[in-house]
Amino acid sequence: MIDILIKSVVGGIIIGIVSTLAQKNPTAGAFIMGIPIVSFITLTIMYYSGVDYETMRVFSFETCFFVVLSLSFFPVYVWLFPLLGFWFSLLSGATVAGSLMFLATKLL
């Protein structure tokens, strides 16, 4: 249970730092978001937890695959935001990315 608490605190700190930085310097915030910090932390925790190589290999491959699909969120969001506002564009981008990811899980 303590490991979940530690992971949650670390995740919250990362989100807090990036969102605060992005308000002052959007480029720096985007740069940090582009670094796969969560993947680094996850792989490190998996390694020290004794997860076998095959599981880590599958995780790494599928992460690459899903990251590419999740990038579809951003053009949809940016295109719809000036036309329809924040919430609709946010949900539309998430729906497109989520749908592509769902379809990909059916094909994998």
PDB file of N, CA and C in Angstrom:
ATOM      1  N   MET A   1       0.827  -1.205   0.000  1.00  0.00           N
ATOM      2  CA  MET A   1       0.000   0.000   0.000  1.00  0.00           C
ATOM      3  C   MET A   1       0.868   1.264   0.000  1.00  0.00           C
ATOM      4  N   ILE A   2       1.988   1.203   0.715  1.00  0.00           N
ATOM      5  CA  ILE A   2       2.866   2.369   0.781  1.00  0.00           C
ATOM      6  C   ILE A   2       3.463   2.693  -0.583  1.00  0.00           C
ATOM      7  N   ASP A   3       3.698   1.651  -1.404  1.00  0.00           N
ATOM      8  CA  ASP A   3       4.262   1.905  -2.735  1.00  0.00           C
ATOM      9  C   ASP A   3       3.288   2.681  -3.613  1.00  0.00           C
ATOM     10  N   ILE A   4       1.992   2.418  -3.480  1.00  0.00           N
ATOM     11  CA  ILE A   4       0.987   3.175  -4.247  1.00  0.00           C
ATOM     12  C   ILE A   4       0.985   4.629  -3.803  1.00  0.00           C
ATOM     13  N   LEU A   5       1.117   4.858  -2.505  1.00  0.00           N
ATOM     14  CA  LEU A   5       1.147   6.219  -1.979  1.00  0.00           C
ATOM     15  C   LEU A   5       2.373   6.967  -2.507  1.00  0.00           C
ATOM     16  N   ILE A   6       3.528   6.326  -2.482  1.00  0.00           N
ATOM     17  CA  ILE A   6       4.763   6.958  -2.986  1.00  0.00           C
ATOM     18  C   ILE A   6       4.629   7.277  -4.468  1.00  0.00           C
ATOM     19  N   LYS A   7       4.119   6.323  -5.250  1.00  0.00           N
ATOM     20  CA  LYS A   7       3.947   6.540  -6.686  1.00  0.00           C
ATOM     21  C   LYS A   7       2.969   7.689  -6.956  1.00  0.00           C
ATOM     22  N   SER A   8       1.925   7.772  -6.167  1.00  0.00           N
ATOM     23  CA  SER A   8       0.942   8.846  -6.343  1.00  0.00           C
ATOM     24  C   SER A   8       1.539  10.206  -6.023  1.00  0.00           C
ATOM     25  N   VAL A   9       2.325  10.281  -4.967  1.00  0.00           N
ATOM     26  CA  VAL A   9       2.957  11.550  -4.592  1.00  0.00           C
ATOM     27  C   VAL A   9       3.943  11.988  -5.670  1.00  0.00           C
ATOM     28  N   VAL A  10       4.779  11.068  -6.164  1.00  0.00           N
ATOM     29  CA  VAL A  10       5.739  11.399  -7.217  1.00  0.00           C
ATOM     30  C   VAL A  10       4.993  11.884  -8.461  1.00  0.00           C
ATOM     31  N   GLY A  11       3.942  11.179  -8.862  1.00  0.00           N
ATOM     32  CA  GLY A  11       3.155  11.592 -10.025  1.00  0.00           C
ATOM     33  C   GLY A  11       2.543  12.965  -9.843  1.00  0.00           C
ATOM     34  N   GLY A  12       2.013  13.224  -8.655  1.00  0.00           N
ATOM     35  CA  GLY A  12       1.425  14.529  -8.371  1.00  0.00           C
ATOM     36  C   GLY A  12       2.453  15.651  -8.414  1.00  0.00           C
ATOM     37  N   ILE A  13       3.645  15.379  -7.907  1.00  0.00           N
ATOM     38  CA  ILE A  13       4.718  16.380  -7.942  1.00  0.00           C
ATOM     39  C   ILE A  13       5.094  16.694  -9.383  1.00  0.00           C
ATOM     40  N   ILE A  14       5.224  15.669 -10.210  1.00  0.00           N
ATOM     41  CA  ILE A  14       5.579  15.892 -11.619  1.00  0.00           C
ATOM     42  C   ILE A  14       4.505  16.731 -12.311  1.00  0.00           C
ATOM     43  N   ILE A  15       3.242  16.393 -12.105  1.00  0.00           N
ATOM     44  CA  ILE A  15       2.146  17.160 -12.715  1.00  0.00           C
ATOM     45  C   ILE A  15       2.170  18.602 -12.233  1.00  0.00           C
ATOM     46  N   GLY A  16       2.380  18.805 -10.945  1.00  0.00           N
ATOM     47  CA  GLY A  16       2.429  20.156 -10.392  1.00  0.00           C
ATOM     48  C   GLY A  16       3.554  20.986 -10.978  1.00  0.00           C
ATOM     49  N   ILE A  17       4.739  20.387 -11.071  1.00  0.00           N
ATOM     50  CA  ILE A  17       5.888  21.106 -11.626  1.00  0.00           C
ATOM     51  C   ILE A  17       5.654  21.467 -13.085  1.00  0.00           C
ATOM     52  N   VAL A  18       5.212  20.499 -13.882  1.00  0.00           N
ATOM     53  CA  VAL A  18       5.028  20.751 -15.318  1.00  0.00           C
ATOM     54  C   VAL A  18       3.924  21.776 -15.564  1.00  0.00           C
ATOM     55  N   SER A  19       2.803  21.661 -14.855  1.00  0.00           N
ATOM     56  CA  SER A  19       1.702  22.608 -15.096  1.00  0.00           C
ATOM     57  C   SER A  19       2.082  24.018 -14.659  1.00  0.00           C
ATOM     58  N   THR A  20       2.827  24.152 -13.568  1.00  0.00           N
ATOM     59  CA  THR A  20       3.273  25.469 -13.124  1.00  0.00           C
ATOM     60  C   THR A  20       4.278  26.057 -14.112  1.00  0.00           C
ATOM     61  N   LEU A  21       5.221  25.244 -14.540  1.00  0.00           N
ATOM     62  CA  LEU A  21       6.225  25.700 -15.502  1.00  0.00           C
ATOM     63  C   LEU A  21       5.574  26.083 -16.832  1.00  0.00           C
ATOM     64  N   ALA A  22       4.613  25.293 -17.294  1.00  0.00           N
ATOM     65  CA  ALA A  22       3.960  25.548 -18.585  1.00  0.00           C
ATOM     66  C   ALA A  22       3.196  26.872 -18.587  1.00  0.00           C
ATOM     67  N   GLN A  23       2.706  27.297 -17.435  1.00  0.00           N
ATOM     68  CA  GLN A  23       2.008  28.588 -17.356  1.00  0.00           C
ATOM     69  C   GLN A  23       2.965  29.745 -17.595  1.00  0.00           C
ATOM     70  N   LYS A  24       4.213  29.572 -17.179  1.00  0.00           N
ATOM     71  CA  LYS A  24       5.203  30.636 -17.318  1.00  0.00           C
ATOM     72  C   LYS A  24       5.999  30.517 -18.612  1.00  0.00           C
ATOM     73  N   ASN A  25       6.251  29.275 -19.032  1.00  0.00           N
ATOM     74  CA  ASN A  25       7.043  29.033 -20.225  1.00  0.00           C
ATOM     75  C   ASN A  25       6.485  27.797 -20.935  1.00  0.00           C
ATOM     76  N   PRO A  26       5.531  27.995 -21.859  1.00  0.00           N
ATOM     77  CA  PRO A  26       4.898  26.854 -22.525  1.00  0.00           C
ATOM     78  C   PRO A  26       5.876  25.923 -23.222  1.00  0.00           C
ATOM     79  N   THR A  27       6.947  26.473 -23.793  1.00  0.00           N
ATOM     80  CA  THR A  27       7.924  25.633 -24.493  1.00  0.00           C
ATOM     81  C   THR A  27       8.643  24.715 -23.515  1.00  0.00           C
ATOM     82  N   ALA A  28       9.061  25.233 -22.385  1.00  0.00           N
ATOM     83  CA  ALA A  28       9.735  24.407 -21.384  1.00  0.00           C
ATOM     84  C   ALA A  28       8.786  23.341 -20.834  1.00  0.00           C
ATOM     85  N   GLY A  29       7.529  23.711 -20.599  1.00  0.00           N
ATOM     86  CA  GLY A  29       6.546  22.731 -20.124  1.00  0.00           C
ATOM     87  C   GLY A  29       6.323  21.622 -21.138  1.00  0.00           C
ATOM     88  N   ALA A  30       6.227  22.000 -22.408  1.00  0.00           N
ATOM     89  CA  ALA A  30       6.037  21.000 -23.469  1.00  0.00           C
ATOM     90  C   ALA A  30       7.263  20.106 -23.594  1.00  0.00           C
ATOM     91  N   PHE A  31       8.446  20.696 -23.438  1.00  0.00           N
ATOM     92  CA  PHE A  31       9.675  19.913 -23.516  1.00  0.00           C
ATOM     93  C   PHE A  31       9.713  18.853 -22.418  1.00  0.00           C
ATOM     94  N   ILE A  32       9.388  19.247 -21.209  1.00  0.00           N
ATOM     95  CA  ILE A  32       9.392  18.294 -20.096  1.00  0.00           C
ATOM     96  C   ILE A  32       8.317  17.230 -20.298  1.00  0.00           C
ATOM     97  N   MET A  33       7.153  17.624 -20.814  1.00  0.00           N
ATOM     98  CA  MET A  33       6.096  16.640 -21.087  1.00  0.00           C
ATOM     99  C   MET A  33       6.519  15.667 -22.170  1.00  0.00           C
ATOM    100  N   GLY A  34       7.372  16.121 -23.073  1.00  0.00           N
ATOM    101  CA  GLY A  34       7.849  15.260 -24.150  1.00  0.00           C
ATOM    102  C   GLY A  34       8.846  14.212 -23.680  1.00  0.00           C
ATOM    103  N   ILE A  35       9.458  14.461 -22.524  1.00  0.00           N
ATOM    104  CA  ILE A  35      10.395  13.486 -21.971  1.00  0.00           C
ATOM    105  C   ILE A  35       9.568  12.381 -21.317  1.00  0.00           C
ATOM    106  N   PRO A  36       9.860  11.151 -21.616  1.00  0.00           N
ATOM    107  CA  PRO A  36       9.040  10.062 -21.050  1.00  0.00           C
ATOM    108  C   PRO A  36       9.363   9.770 -19.578  1.00  0.00           C
ATOM    109  N   ILE A  37       9.167  10.784 -18.726  1.00  0.00           N
ATOM    110  CA  ILE A  37       9.484  10.648 -17.305  1.00  0.00           C
ATOM    111  C   ILE A  37       8.704   9.505 -16.676  1.00  0.00           C
ATOM    112  N   VAL A  38       7.425   9.417 -16.985  1.00  0.00           N
ATOM    113  CA  VAL A  38       6.602   8.354 -16.400  1.00  0.00           C
ATOM    114  C   VAL A  38       7.114   6.985 -16.833  1.00  0.00           C
ATOM    115  N   SER A  39       7.518   6.860 -18.082  1.00  0.00           N
ATOM    116  CA  SER A  39       8.056   5.581 -18.555  1.00  0.00           C
ATOM    117  C   SER A  39       9.364   5.241 -17.844  1.00  0.00           C
ATOM    118  N   PHE A  40      10.239   6.242 -17.663  1.00  0.00           N
ATOM    119  CA  PHE A  40      11.489   6.002 -16.941  1.00  0.00           C
ATOM    120  C   PHE A  40      11.208   5.489 -15.532  1.00  0.00           C
ATOM    121  N   ILE A  41      10.319   6.183 -14.838  1.00  0.00           N
ATOM    122  CA  ILE A  41       9.993   5.803 -13.462  1.00  0.00           C
ATOM    123  C   ILE A  41       9.348   4.420 -13.429  1.00  0.00           C
ATOM    124  N   THR A  42       8.415   4.171 -14.339  1.00  0.00           N
ATOM    125  CA  THR A  42       7.731   2.878 -14.379  1.00  0.00           C
ATOM    126  C   THR A  42       8.700   1.738 -14.652  1.00  0.00           C
ATOM    127  N   LEU A  43       9.582   1.913 -15.629  1.00  0.00           N
ATOM    128  CA  LEU A  43      10.560   0.864 -15.936  1.00  0.00           C
ATOM    129  C   LEU A  43      11.505   0.626 -14.760  1.00  0.00           C
ATOM    130  N   THR A  44      11.892   1.688 -14.076  1.00  0.00           N
ATOM    131  CA  THR A  44      12.766   1.540 -12.910  1.00  0.00           C
ATOM    132  C   THR A  44      12.066   0.766 -11.805  1.00  0.00           C
ATOM    133  N   ILE A  45      10.824   1.106 -11.539  1.00  0.00           N
ATOM    134  CA  ILE A  45      10.064   0.398 -10.503  1.00  0.00           C
ATOM    135  C   ILE A  45       9.852  -1.060 -10.902  1.00  0.00           C
ATOM    136  N   MET A  46       9.538  -1.285 -12.184  1.00  0.00           N
ATOM    137  CA  MET A  46       9.355  -2.662 -12.648  1.00  0.00           C
ATOM    138  C   MET A  46      10.647  -3.461 -12.486  1.00  0.00           C
ATOM    139  N   TYR A  47      11.779  -2.849 -12.815  1.00  0.00           N
ATOM    140  CA  TYR A  47      13.069  -3.527 -12.715  1.00  0.00           C
ATOM    141  C   TYR A  47      13.367  -3.904 -11.264  1.00  0.00           C
ATOM    142  N   TYR A  48      13.208  -2.949 -10.358  1.00  0.00           N
ATOM    143  CA  TYR A  48      13.498  -3.223  -8.955  1.00  0.00           C
ATOM    144  C   TYR A  48      12.455  -4.105  -8.287  1.00  0.00           C
ATOM    145  N   SER A  49      11.304  -4.247  -8.922  1.00  0.00           N
ATOM    146  CA  SER A  49      10.277  -5.165  -8.405  1.00  0.00           C
ATOM    147  C   SER A  49      10.487  -6.587  -8.912  1.00  0.00           C
ATOM    148  N   GLY A  50      11.462  -6.764  -9.818  1.00  0.00           N
ATOM    149  CA  GLY A  50      11.775  -8.092 -10.312  1.00  0.00           C
ATOM    150  C   GLY A  50      10.945  -8.556 -11.495  1.00  0.00           C
ATOM    151  N   VAL A  51      10.371  -7.601 -12.215  1.00  0.00           N
ATOM    152  CA  VAL A  51       9.575  -7.961 -13.389  1.00  0.00           C
ATOM    153  C   VAL A  51      10.513  -8.535 -14.456  1.00  0.00           C
ATOM    154  N   ASP A  52      10.080  -9.600 -15.114  1.00  0.00           N
ATOM    155  CA  ASP A  52      10.928 -10.265 -16.105  1.00  0.00           C
ATOM    156  C   ASP A  52      11.103  -9.406 -17.366  1.00  0.00           C
ATOM    157  N   TYR A  53      12.162  -9.717 -18.097  1.00  0.00           N
ATOM    158  CA  TYR A  53      12.532  -8.963 -19.297  1.00  0.00           C
ATOM    159  C   TYR A  53      11.402  -8.944 -20.324  1.00  0.00           C
ATOM    160  N   GLU A  54      10.747 -10.062 -20.552  1.00  0.00           N
ATOM    161  CA  GLU A  54       9.700 -10.145 -21.581  1.00  0.00           C
ATOM    162  C   GLU A  54       8.561  -9.163 -21.280  1.00  0.00           C
ATOM    163  N   THR A  55       8.159  -9.074 -20.028  1.00  0.00           N
ATOM    164  CA  THR A  55       7.094  -8.142 -19.653  1.00  0.00           C
ATOM    165  C   THR A  55       7.538  -6.703 -19.899  1.00  0.00           C
ATOM    166  N   MET A  56       8.788  -6.397 -19.551  1.00  0.00           N
ATOM    167  CA  MET A  56       9.303  -5.043 -19.777  1.00  0.00           C
ATOM    168  C   MET A  56       9.427  -4.747 -21.272  1.00  0.00           C
ATOM    169  N   ARG A  57       9.794  -5.747 -22.060  1.00  0.00           N
ATOM    170  CA  ARG A  57       9.896  -5.581 -23.508  1.00  0.00           C
ATOM    171  C   ARG A  57       8.532  -5.280 -24.113  1.00  0.00           C
ATOM    172  N   VAL A  58       7.523  -6.060 -23.724  1.00  0.00           N
ATOM    173  CA  VAL A  58       6.162  -5.844 -24.235  1.00  0.00           C
ATOM    174  C   VAL A  58       5.654  -4.463 -23.807  1.00  0.00           C
ATOM    175  N   PHE A  59       5.888  -4.107 -22.548  1.00  0.00           N
ATOM    176  CA  PHE A  59       5.483  -2.790 -22.058  1.00  0.00           C
ATOM    177  C   PHE A  59       6.120  -1.677 -22.891  1.00  0.00           C
ATOM    178  N   SER A  60       7.416  -1.780 -23.147  1.00  0.00           N
ATOM    179  CA  SER A  60       8.137  -0.750 -23.911  1.00  0.00           C
ATOM    180  C   SER A  60       7.616  -0.646 -25.339  1.00  0.00           C
ATOM    181  N   PHE A  61       7.433  -1.774 -25.996  1.00  0.00           N
ATOM    182  CA  PHE A  61       6.924  -1.770 -27.371  1.00  0.00           C
ATOM    183  C   PHE A  61       5.528  -1.165 -27.436  1.00  0.00           C
ATOM    184  N   GLU A  62       4.644  -1.622 -26.563  1.00  0.00           N
ATOM    185  CA  GLU A  62       3.266  -1.130 -26.599  1.00  0.00           C
ATOM    186  C   GLU A  62       3.186   0.339 -26.198  1.00  0.00           C
ATOM    187  N   THR A  63       4.080   0.788 -25.321  1.00  0.00           N
ATOM    188  CA  THR A  63       4.113   2.208 -24.963  1.00  0.00           C
ATOM    189  C   THR A  63       4.437   3.043 -26.196  1.00  0.00           C
ATOM    190  N   CYS A  64       5.426   2.628 -26.977  1.00  0.00           N
ATOM    191  CA  CYS A  64       5.765   3.350 -28.216  1.00  0.00           C
ATOM    192  C   CYS A  64       4.556   3.413 -29.144  1.00  0.00           C
ATOM    193  N   PHE A  65       3.902   2.306 -29.298  1.00  0.00           N
ATOM    194  CA  PHE A  65       2.755   2.205 -30.194  1.00  0.00           C
ATOM    195  C   PHE A  65       1.632   3.140 -29.739  1.00  0.00           C
ATOM    196  N   PHE A  66       1.304   3.104 -28.435  1.00  0.00           N
ATOM    197  CA  PHE A  66       0.196   3.915 -27.937  1.00  0.00           C
ATOM    198  C   PHE A  66       0.545   5.401 -27.873  1.00  0.00           C
ATOM    199  N   VAL A  67       1.807   5.731 -27.658  1.00  0.00           N
ATOM    200  CA  VAL A  67       2.199   7.139 -27.671  1.00  0.00           C
ATOM    201  C   VAL A  67       1.958   7.731 -29.062  1.00  0.00           C
ATOM    202  N   VAL A  68       2.327   7.004 -30.094  1.00  0.00           N
ATOM    203  CA  VAL A  68       2.099   7.483 -31.459  1.00  0.00           C
ATOM    204  C   VAL A  68       0.602   7.730 -31.692  1.00  0.00           C
ATOM    205  N   LEU A  69      -0.227   6.790 -31.262  1.00  0.00           N
ATOM    206  CA  LEU A  69      -1.673   6.962 -31.452  1.00  0.00           C
ATOM    207  C   LEU A  69      -2.229   8.112 -30.612  1.00  0.00           C
ATOM    208  N   SER A  70      -1.692   8.281 -29.406  1.00  0.00           N
ATOM    209  CA  SER A  70      -2.212   9.334 -28.531  1.00  0.00           C
ATOM    210  C   SER A  70      -1.889  10.732 -29.047  1.00  0.00           C
ATOM    211  N   LEU A  71      -0.895  10.840 -29.918  1.00  0.00           N
ATOM    212  CA  LEU A  71      -0.550  12.148 -30.481  1.00  0.00           C
ATOM    213  C   LEU A  71      -1.666  12.727 -31.340  1.00  0.00           C
ATOM    214  N   SER A  72      -2.613  11.886 -31.750  1.00  0.00           N
ATOM    215  CA  SER A  72      -3.754  12.377 -32.528  1.00  0.00           C
ATOM    216  C   SER A  72      -4.601  13.361 -31.715  1.00  0.00           C
ATOM    217  N   PHE A  73      -4.496  13.319 -30.400  1.00  0.00           N
ATOM    218  CA  PHE A  73      -5.244  14.231 -29.537  1.00  0.00           C
ATOM    219  C   PHE A  73      -4.932  15.694 -29.872  1.00  0.00           C
ATOM    220  N   PHE A  74      -3.655  16.014 -30.051  1.00  0.00           N
ATOM    221  CA  PHE A  74      -3.236  17.404 -30.133  1.00  0.00           C
ATOM    222  C   PHE A  74      -3.744  18.152 -31.367  1.00  0.00           C
ATOM    223  N   PRO A  75      -3.657  17.590 -32.573  1.00  0.00           N
ATOM    224  CA  PRO A  75      -4.205  18.355 -33.711  1.00  0.00           C
ATOM    225  C   PRO A  75      -5.718  18.584 -33.591  1.00  0.00           C
ATOM    226  N   VAL A  76      -6.439  17.587 -33.086  1.00  0.00           N
ATOM    227  CA  VAL A  76      -7.893  17.744 -32.919  1.00  0.00           C
ATOM    228  C   VAL A  76      -8.177  18.850 -31.909  1.00  0.00           C
ATOM    229  N   TYR A  77      -7.482  18.813 -30.800  1.00  0.00           N
ATOM    230  CA  TYR A  77      -7.663  19.819 -29.751  1.00  0.00           C
ATOM    231  C   TYR A  77      -7.350  21.228 -30.267  1.00  0.00           C
ATOM    232  N   VAL A  78      -6.203  21.385 -30.908  1.00  0.00           N
ATOM    233  CA  VAL A  78      -5.778  22.703 -31.391  1.00  0.00           C
ATOM    234  C   VAL A  78      -6.730  23.226 -32.468  1.00  0.00           C
ATOM    235  N   TRP A  79      -7.206  22.346 -33.335  1.00  0.00           N
ATOM    236  CA  TRP A  79      -8.091  22.769 -34.417  1.00  0.00           C
ATOM    237  C   TRP A  79      -9.468  23.188 -33.882  1.00  0.00           C
ATOM    238  N   LEU A  80     -10.010  22.415 -32.927  1.00  0.00           N
ATOM    239  CA  LEU A  80     -11.358  22.697 -32.435  1.00  0.00           C
ATOM    240  C   LEU A  80     -11.427  23.780 -31.356  1.00  0.00           C
ATOM    241  N   PHE A  81     -10.341  24.008 -30.636  1.00  0.00           N
ATOM    242  CA  PHE A  81     -10.379  24.962 -29.522  1.00  0.00           C
ATOM    243  C   PHE A  81     -10.896  26.343 -29.906  1.00  0.00           C
ATOM    244  N   PRO A  82     -10.372  26.985 -30.959  1.00  0.00           N
ATOM    245  CA  PRO A  82     -10.895  28.325 -31.288  1.00  0.00           C
ATOM    246  C   PRO A  82     -12.327  28.303 -31.803  1.00  0.00           C
ATOM    247  N   LEU A  83     -12.745  27.163 -32.344  1.00  0.00           N
ATOM    248  CA  LEU A  83     -14.091  27.076 -32.901  1.00  0.00           C
ATOM    249  C   LEU A  83     -15.155  26.744 -31.860  1.00  0.00           C
ATOM    250  N   LEU A  84     -14.826  25.824 -30.950  1.00  0.00           N
ATOM    251  CA  LEU A  84     -15.847  25.278 -30.059  1.00  0.00           C
ATOM    252  C   LEU A  84     -15.523  25.369 -28.573  1.00  0.00           C
ATOM    253  N   GLY A  85     -14.390  25.927 -28.226  1.00  0.00           N
ATOM    254  CA  GLY A  85     -14.056  26.106 -26.818  1.00  0.00           C
ATOM    255  C   GLY A  85     -13.263  24.952 -26.227  1.00  0.00           C
ATOM    256  N   PHE A  86     -12.840  25.184 -24.992  1.00  0.00           N
ATOM    257  CA  PHE A  86     -11.932  24.271 -24.311  1.00  0.00           C
ATOM    258  C   PHE A  86     -12.506  22.877 -24.092  1.00  0.00           C
ATOM    259  N   TRP A  87     -13.641  22.778 -23.421  1.00  0.00           N
ATOM    260  CA  TRP A  87     -14.148  21.462 -23.000  1.00  0.00           C
ATOM    261  C   TRP A  87     -14.506  20.559 -24.171  1.00  0.00           C
ATOM    262  N   PHE A  88     -15.179  21.113 -25.178  1.00  0.00           N
ATOM    263  CA  PHE A  88     -15.558  20.287 -26.322  1.00  0.00           C
ATOM    264  C   PHE A  88     -14.326  19.817 -27.082  1.00  0.00           C
ATOM    265  N   SER A  89     -13.365  20.726 -27.262  1.00  0.00           N
ATOM    266  CA  SER A  89     -12.155  20.340 -27.984  1.00  0.00           C
ATOM    267  C   SER A  89     -11.341  19.329 -27.183  1.00  0.00           C
ATOM    268  N   LEU A  90     -11.285  19.479 -25.873  1.00  0.00           N
ATOM    269  CA  LEU A  90     -10.571  18.531 -25.018  1.00  0.00           C
ATOM    270  C   LEU A  90     -11.209  17.141 -25.101  1.00  0.00           C
ATOM    271  N   LEU A  91     -12.516  17.091 -24.956  1.00  0.00           N
ATOM    272  CA  LEU A  91     -13.215  15.799 -25.021  1.00  0.00           C
ATOM    273  C   LEU A  91     -13.165  15.188 -26.414  1.00  0.00           C
ATOM    274  N   SER A  92     -13.230  16.018 -27.441  1.00  0.00           N
ATOM    275  CA  SER A  92     -13.151  15.502 -28.816  1.00  0.00           C
ATOM    276  C   SER A  92     -11.779  14.907 -29.098  1.00  0.00           C
ATOM    277  N   GLY A  93     -10.736  15.597 -28.692  1.00  0.00           N
ATOM    278  CA  GLY A  93      -9.381  15.077 -28.873  1.00  0.00           C
ATOM    279  C   GLY A  93      -9.180  13.770 -28.125  1.00  0.00           C
ATOM    280  N   ALA A  94      -9.684  13.728 -26.897  1.00  0.00           N
ATOM    281  CA  ALA A  94      -9.569  12.504 -26.100  1.00  0.00           C
ATOM    282  C   ALA A  94     -10.374  11.368 -26.727  1.00  0.00           C
ATOM    283  N   THR A  95     -11.525  11.680 -27.284  1.00  0.00           N
ATOM    284  CA  THR A  95     -12.355  10.660 -27.928  1.00  0.00           C
ATOM    285  C   THR A  95     -11.660  10.087 -29.162  1.00  0.00           C
ATOM    286  N   VAL A  96     -11.073  10.964 -29.974  1.00  0.00           N
ATOM    287  CA  VAL A  96     -10.363  10.489 -31.165  1.00  0.00           C
ATOM    288  C   VAL A  96      -9.177   9.612 -30.757  1.00  0.00           C
ATOM    289  N   ALA A  97      -8.353  10.106 -29.839  1.00  0.00           N
ATOM    290  CA  ALA A  97      -7.178   9.338 -29.407  1.00  0.00           C
ATOM    291  C   ALA A  97      -7.596   8.032 -28.743  1.00  0.00           C
ATOM    292  N   GLY A  98      -8.594   8.102 -27.882  1.00  0.00           N
ATOM    293  CA  GLY A  98      -9.074   6.896 -27.205  1.00  0.00           C
ATOM    294  C   GLY A  98      -9.646   5.874 -28.169  1.00  0.00           C
ATOM    295  N   SER A  99     -10.364   6.349 -29.170  1.00  0.00           N
ATOM    296  CA  SER A  99     -10.933   5.439 -30.174  1.00  0.00           C
ATOM    297  C   SER A  99      -9.840   4.737 -30.973  1.00  0.00           C
ATOM    298  N   LEU A 100      -8.817   5.493 -31.367  1.00  0.00           N
ATOM    299  CA  LEU A 100      -7.706   4.885 -32.095  1.00  0.00           C
ATOM    300  C   LEU A 100      -6.982   3.852 -31.230  1.00  0.00           C
ATOM    301  N   MET A 101      -6.804   4.181 -29.959  1.00  0.00           N
ATOM    302  CA  MET A 101      -6.132   3.247 -29.057  1.00  0.00           C
ATOM    303  C   MET A 101      -6.982   2.005 -28.812  1.00  0.00           C
ATOM    304  N   PHE A 102      -8.285   2.202 -28.688  1.00  0.00           N
ATOM    305  CA  PHE A 102      -9.185   1.054 -28.508  1.00  0.00           C
ATOM    306  C   PHE A 102      -9.141   0.133 -29.736  1.00  0.00           C
ATOM    307  N   LEU A 103      -9.204   0.744 -30.916  1.00  0.00           N
ATOM    308  CA  LEU A 103      -9.122  -0.066 -32.149  1.00  0.00           C
ATOM    309  C   LEU A 103      -7.792  -0.791 -32.240  1.00  0.00           C
ATOM    310  N   ALA A 104      -6.732  -0.136 -31.822  1.00  0.00           N
ATOM    311  CA  ALA A 104      -5.419  -0.783 -31.860  1.00  0.00           C
ATOM    312  C   ALA A 104      -5.348  -1.984 -30.934  1.00  0.00           C
ATOM    313  N   THR A 105      -6.004  -1.901 -29.775  1.00  0.00           N
ATOM    314  CA  THR A 105      -5.982  -3.052 -28.859  1.00  0.00           C
ATOM    315  C   THR A 105      -6.720  -4.233 -29.465  1.00  0.00           C
ATOM    316  N   LYS A 106      -7.688  -3.962 -30.295  1.00  0.00           N
ATOM    317  CA  LYS A 106      -8.418  -5.050 -30.947  1.00  0.00           C
ATOM    318  C   LYS A 106      -7.576  -5.706 -32.037  1.00  0.00           C
ATOM    319  N   LEU A 107      -6.644  -4.927 -32.609  1.00  0.00           N
ATOM    320  CA  LEU A 107      -5.804  -5.459 -33.681  1.00  0.00           C
ATOM    321  C   LEU A 107      -4.518  -6.111 -33.171  1.00  0.00           C
ATOM    322  N   LEU A 108      -4.114  -5.781 -31.954  1.00  0.00           N
ATOM    323  CA  LEU A 108      -2.865  -6.347 -31.421  1.00  0.00           C
ATOM    324  C   LEU A 108      -3.026  -7.780 -31.019  1.00  0.00           C
TER     325      LEU A 108
END
